[in-house]
């Protein structure tokens, strides 16, 4: 199943129940979706109105990226620092507790 997101302006991305604001909102949205427990392999399609403007192969891959200005001042996707990636990692599944 592919998730759908909306891009509003240059600094806001929304998906059902989640909104992020700031720099590189789509990659930040991917991290929030992973933290919310969505499958890492889930693709994300980002729309601006009715126009598909970005397709993310998987939210797990998107969560590992951010956007930085390149040498000529053009934005480009780069890997997020390892410390930041760990901050947004999903929690491991919890063991089921048995009634005593």
N, C-alpha and C. Protein backbone atom coordinates (compact mmCIF):
# COMPACT_ATOMS: atom_id res chain seq x y z
N UNK A 1 0.83 -1.17 0.00
CA UNK A 1 0.00 0.00 0.00
C UNK A 1 0.88 1.24 0.00
N UNK A 2 0.60 2.18 -0.84
CA UNK A 2 1.34 3.43 -0.94
C UNK A 2 0.67 4.50 -0.10
N UNK A 3 1.47 5.21 0.69
CA UNK A 3 0.95 6.33 1.48
C UNK A 3 0.92 7.58 0.61
N UNK A 4 -0.02 8.46 0.89
CA UNK A 4 -0.15 9.72 0.17
C UNK A 4 0.12 10.87 1.13
N UNK A 5 0.91 11.83 0.66
CA UNK A 5 1.21 13.02 1.45
C UNK A 5 0.94 14.25 0.60
N UNK A 6 0.77 15.37 1.27
CA UNK A 6 0.55 16.65 0.60
C UNK A 6 1.70 17.58 0.97
N UNK A 7 2.21 18.29 -0.03
CA UNK A 7 3.23 19.30 0.20
C UNK A 7 2.57 20.66 0.07
N UNK A 8 2.71 21.48 1.11
CA UNK A 8 2.11 22.81 1.13
C UNK A 8 3.24 23.82 1.24
N UNK A 9 3.35 24.69 0.25
CA UNK A 9 4.46 25.63 0.24
C UNK A 9 5.77 24.87 0.11
N UNK A 10 6.83 25.40 0.70
CA UNK A 10 8.12 24.71 0.63
C UNK A 10 8.51 24.10 1.96
N UNK A 11 7.70 24.31 3.01
CA UNK A 11 8.12 23.86 4.32
C UNK A 11 7.13 23.06 5.11
N UNK A 12 6.06 22.55 4.48
CA UNK A 12 5.08 21.76 5.22
C UNK A 12 4.71 20.52 4.41
N UNK A 13 4.73 19.38 5.08
CA UNK A 13 4.27 18.13 4.47
C UNK A 13 3.31 17.46 5.44
N UNK A 14 2.22 16.93 4.90
CA UNK A 14 1.22 16.28 5.75
C UNK A 14 0.87 14.91 5.19
N UNK A 15 0.58 14.01 6.09
CA UNK A 15 0.04 12.69 5.78
C UNK A 15 -1.07 12.50 6.80
N UNK A 16 -1.97 11.56 6.60
CA UNK A 16 -3.07 11.39 7.55
C UNK A 16 -2.58 11.32 9.00
N UNK A 17 -2.97 12.31 9.80
CA UNK A 17 -2.64 12.34 11.21
C UNK A 17 -1.28 12.90 11.56
N UNK A 18 -0.48 13.29 10.56
CA UNK A 18 0.87 13.79 10.83
C UNK A 18 1.13 15.02 9.97
N UNK A 19 1.71 16.05 10.56
CA UNK A 19 2.13 17.23 9.82
C UNK A 19 3.52 17.63 10.31
N UNK A 20 4.40 17.96 9.38
CA UNK A 20 5.74 18.42 9.75
C UNK A 20 6.00 19.76 9.05
N UNK A 21 6.80 20.59 9.70
CA UNK A 21 7.11 21.92 9.17
C UNK A 21 8.61 22.10 9.24
N UNK A 22 9.15 22.87 8.32
CA UNK A 22 10.57 23.20 8.37
C UNK A 22 11.31 22.73 7.14
N UNK A 23 12.63 22.71 7.25
CA UNK A 23 13.52 22.34 6.16
C UNK A 23 13.35 20.86 5.81
N UNK A 24 13.32 20.52 4.53
CA UNK A 24 13.22 19.15 4.03
C UNK A 24 12.03 18.42 4.66
N UNK A 25 10.83 18.92 4.48
CA UNK A 25 9.68 18.34 5.18
C UNK A 25 9.34 16.91 4.77
N UNK A 26 9.63 16.52 3.55
CA UNK A 26 9.27 15.16 3.12
C UNK A 26 10.15 14.13 3.83
N UNK A 27 11.43 14.40 3.94
CA UNK A 27 12.30 13.45 4.65
C UNK A 27 11.95 13.42 6.14
N UNK A 28 11.60 14.57 6.69
CA UNK A 28 11.16 14.61 8.10
C UNK A 28 9.86 13.83 8.28
N UNK A 29 8.96 13.94 7.29
CA UNK A 29 7.70 13.20 7.34
C UNK A 29 7.99 11.70 7.31
N UNK A 30 8.93 11.27 6.49
CA UNK A 30 9.30 9.85 6.46
C UNK A 30 9.75 9.38 7.84
N UNK A 31 10.57 10.18 8.52
CA UNK A 31 11.02 9.80 9.87
C UNK A 31 9.85 9.71 10.85
N UNK A 32 8.91 10.63 10.75
CA UNK A 32 7.74 10.59 11.64
C UNK A 32 6.86 9.38 11.34
N UNK A 33 6.71 9.02 10.06
CA UNK A 33 5.91 7.84 9.69
C UNK A 33 6.56 6.56 10.23
N UNK A 34 7.89 6.48 10.13
CA UNK A 34 8.60 5.32 10.68
C UNK A 34 8.41 5.26 12.19
N UNK A 35 8.56 6.41 12.86
CA UNK A 35 8.39 6.46 14.32
C UNK A 35 6.97 6.10 14.73
N UNK A 36 6.00 6.37 13.85
CA UNK A 36 4.60 6.05 14.15
C UNK A 36 4.29 4.57 13.92
N UNK A 37 5.27 3.82 13.41
CA UNK A 37 5.09 2.38 13.28
C UNK A 37 4.75 1.88 11.89
N UNK A 38 4.81 2.74 10.88
CA UNK A 38 4.55 2.29 9.51
C UNK A 38 5.69 1.40 9.03
N UNK A 39 5.38 0.47 8.14
CA UNK A 39 6.37 -0.44 7.57
C UNK A 39 7.43 0.36 6.82
N UNK A 40 8.70 0.05 7.06
CA UNK A 40 9.81 0.76 6.43
C UNK A 40 9.78 0.66 4.90
N UNK A 41 9.20 -0.40 4.37
CA UNK A 41 9.18 -0.62 2.93
C UNK A 41 8.04 0.12 2.22
N UNK A 42 7.19 0.79 2.97
CA UNK A 42 6.03 1.47 2.39
C UNK A 42 6.46 2.64 1.52
N UNK A 43 6.00 2.69 0.26
CA UNK A 43 6.31 3.84 -0.59
C UNK A 43 5.45 5.04 -0.20
N UNK A 44 5.92 6.23 -0.58
CA UNK A 44 5.21 7.48 -0.28
C UNK A 44 5.13 8.30 -1.56
N UNK A 45 3.94 8.74 -1.90
CA UNK A 45 3.74 9.64 -3.02
C UNK A 45 3.34 10.99 -2.46
N UNK A 46 4.06 12.03 -2.88
CA UNK A 46 3.84 13.37 -2.36
C UNK A 46 3.23 14.23 -3.47
N UNK A 47 2.10 14.85 -3.15
CA UNK A 47 1.37 15.66 -4.12
C UNK A 47 1.38 17.12 -3.70
N UNK A 48 1.37 17.99 -4.69
CA UNK A 48 1.13 19.41 -4.49
C UNK A 48 -0.16 19.67 -5.26
N UNK A 49 -1.27 19.73 -4.54
CA UNK A 49 -2.58 19.78 -5.19
C UNK A 49 -2.84 18.43 -5.87
N UNK A 50 -3.17 18.45 -7.16
CA UNK A 50 -3.43 17.22 -7.90
C UNK A 50 -2.17 16.66 -8.58
N UNK A 51 -1.05 17.39 -8.49
CA UNK A 51 0.17 17.02 -9.20
C UNK A 51 1.11 16.19 -8.32
N UNK A 52 1.48 15.00 -8.81
CA UNK A 52 2.48 14.19 -8.12
C UNK A 52 3.82 14.89 -8.30
N UNK A 53 4.47 15.28 -7.19
CA UNK A 53 5.73 16.02 -7.31
C UNK A 53 6.93 15.24 -6.80
N UNK A 54 6.71 14.17 -6.04
CA UNK A 54 7.83 13.39 -5.53
C UNK A 54 7.32 12.00 -5.17
N UNK A 55 8.11 11.00 -5.53
CA UNK A 55 7.79 9.62 -5.15
C UNK A 55 8.99 9.09 -4.37
N UNK A 56 8.74 8.65 -3.14
CA UNK A 56 9.78 8.08 -2.28
C UNK A 56 9.63 6.57 -2.34
N UNK A 57 10.69 5.88 -2.75
CA UNK A 57 10.64 4.43 -2.93
C UNK A 57 10.20 3.71 -1.67
N UNK A 58 10.74 4.12 -0.52
CA UNK A 58 10.30 3.55 0.76
C UNK A 58 10.54 4.59 1.85
N UNK A 59 9.63 4.63 2.83
CA UNK A 59 9.80 5.62 3.90
C UNK A 59 11.04 5.31 4.73
N UNK A 60 11.46 4.05 4.76
CA UNK A 60 12.69 3.70 5.47
C UNK A 60 13.91 4.35 4.83
N UNK A 61 13.95 4.35 3.49
CA UNK A 61 15.05 5.01 2.79
C UNK A 61 14.95 6.53 2.93
N UNK A 62 13.73 7.07 2.80
CA UNK A 62 13.53 8.50 2.93
C UNK A 62 13.90 9.02 4.30
N UNK A 63 13.70 8.19 5.33
CA UNK A 63 14.01 8.60 6.70
C UNK A 63 15.51 8.77 6.93
N UNK A 64 16.31 8.17 6.08
CA UNK A 64 17.77 8.26 6.22
C UNK A 64 18.37 9.43 5.46
N UNK A 65 17.51 10.24 4.82
CA UNK A 65 17.99 11.34 4.00
C UNK A 65 17.58 12.70 4.56
N UNK A 66 18.28 13.72 4.12
CA UNK A 66 17.90 15.10 4.34
C UNK A 66 18.30 15.88 3.09
N UNK A 67 18.07 17.17 3.06
CA UNK A 67 18.42 18.00 1.91
C UNK A 67 19.45 19.03 2.34
N UNK A 68 20.53 19.14 1.58
CA UNK A 68 21.59 20.14 1.83
C UNK A 68 21.86 20.86 0.51
N UNK A 69 22.36 22.07 0.61
CA UNK A 69 22.76 22.79 -0.59
C UNK A 69 24.09 22.23 -1.09
N UNK A 70 24.15 21.96 -2.39
CA UNK A 70 25.37 21.46 -3.01
C UNK A 70 26.35 22.60 -3.26
N UNK A 71 27.48 22.28 -3.91
CA UNK A 71 28.51 23.29 -4.15
C UNK A 71 28.02 24.48 -4.97
N UNK A 72 27.11 24.26 -5.90
CA UNK A 72 26.61 25.36 -6.74
C UNK A 72 25.35 26.00 -6.14
N UNK A 73 25.02 25.63 -4.89
CA UNK A 73 23.85 26.19 -4.22
C UNK A 73 22.55 25.46 -4.55
N UNK A 74 22.65 24.39 -5.31
CA UNK A 74 21.45 23.61 -5.64
C UNK A 74 21.20 22.59 -4.54
N UNK A 75 19.94 22.42 -4.15
CA UNK A 75 19.65 21.43 -3.11
C UNK A 75 19.85 20.01 -3.63
N UNK A 76 20.30 19.13 -2.74
CA UNK A 76 20.48 17.71 -3.10
C UNK A 76 20.22 16.85 -1.87
N UNK A 77 19.82 15.61 -2.12
CA UNK A 77 19.60 14.67 -1.03
C UNK A 77 20.94 14.14 -0.55
N UNK A 78 21.11 14.09 0.77
CA UNK A 78 22.31 13.52 1.39
C UNK A 78 21.88 12.64 2.55
N UNK A 79 22.77 11.74 2.94
CA UNK A 79 22.46 10.86 4.07
C UNK A 79 22.45 11.67 5.36
N UNK A 80 21.47 11.36 6.21
CA UNK A 80 21.34 12.01 7.51
C UNK A 80 22.42 11.46 8.43
N UNK A 81 22.93 12.27 9.34
CA UNK A 81 23.94 11.82 10.30
C UNK A 81 23.42 10.63 11.09
N UNK A 82 24.29 9.69 11.40
CA UNK A 82 23.90 8.45 12.09
C UNK A 82 23.16 8.72 13.40
N UNK A 83 23.61 9.74 14.16
CA UNK A 83 22.95 10.02 15.45
C UNK A 83 21.50 10.41 15.24
N UNK A 84 21.23 11.20 14.23
CA UNK A 84 19.86 11.64 13.96
C UNK A 84 19.00 10.48 13.49
N UNK A 85 19.57 9.55 12.72
CA UNK A 85 18.82 8.39 12.25
C UNK A 85 18.34 7.55 13.43
N UNK A 86 19.22 7.36 14.41
CA UNK A 86 18.85 6.54 15.56
C UNK A 86 17.75 7.19 16.38
N UNK A 87 17.68 8.51 16.40
CA UNK A 87 16.65 9.22 17.14
C UNK A 87 15.27 8.87 16.62
N UNK A 88 15.15 8.63 15.31
CA UNK A 88 13.86 8.39 14.69
C UNK A 88 13.58 6.93 14.42
N UNK A 89 14.43 6.04 14.89
CA UNK A 89 14.21 4.62 14.66
C UNK A 89 12.97 4.15 15.41
N UNK A 90 12.26 3.21 14.81
CA UNK A 90 11.07 2.67 15.46
C UNK A 90 11.49 1.79 16.64
N UNK A 91 10.68 1.75 17.65
CA UNK A 91 10.96 0.92 18.82
C UNK A 91 10.78 -0.55 18.46
N UNK A 92 11.57 -1.44 19.08
CA UNK A 92 11.40 -2.86 18.79
C UNK A 92 10.05 -3.34 19.31
N UNK A 93 9.52 -4.43 18.75
CA UNK A 93 8.24 -4.92 19.23
C UNK A 93 8.34 -5.35 20.70
N UNK A 94 7.26 -5.16 21.42
CA UNK A 94 7.26 -5.51 22.85
C UNK A 94 6.79 -6.95 23.02
N UNK A 95 7.35 -7.60 24.01
CA UNK A 95 6.95 -8.96 24.31
C UNK A 95 5.57 -8.94 24.95
N UNK A 96 4.73 -9.88 24.58
CA UNK A 96 3.38 -9.95 25.14
C UNK A 96 3.45 -10.38 26.59
N UNK A 97 2.72 -9.69 27.42
CA UNK A 97 2.72 -9.99 28.84
C UNK A 97 1.61 -10.97 29.15
N UNK A 98 1.93 -12.00 29.87
CA UNK A 98 0.94 -13.02 30.22
C UNK A 98 0.30 -12.71 31.56
N UNK A 99 -0.97 -12.98 31.64
CA UNK A 99 -1.70 -12.76 32.90
C UNK A 99 -1.20 -13.76 33.95
N UNK A 100 -1.07 -13.30 35.17
CA UNK A 100 -0.55 -14.16 36.25
C UNK A 100 -1.65 -15.00 36.84
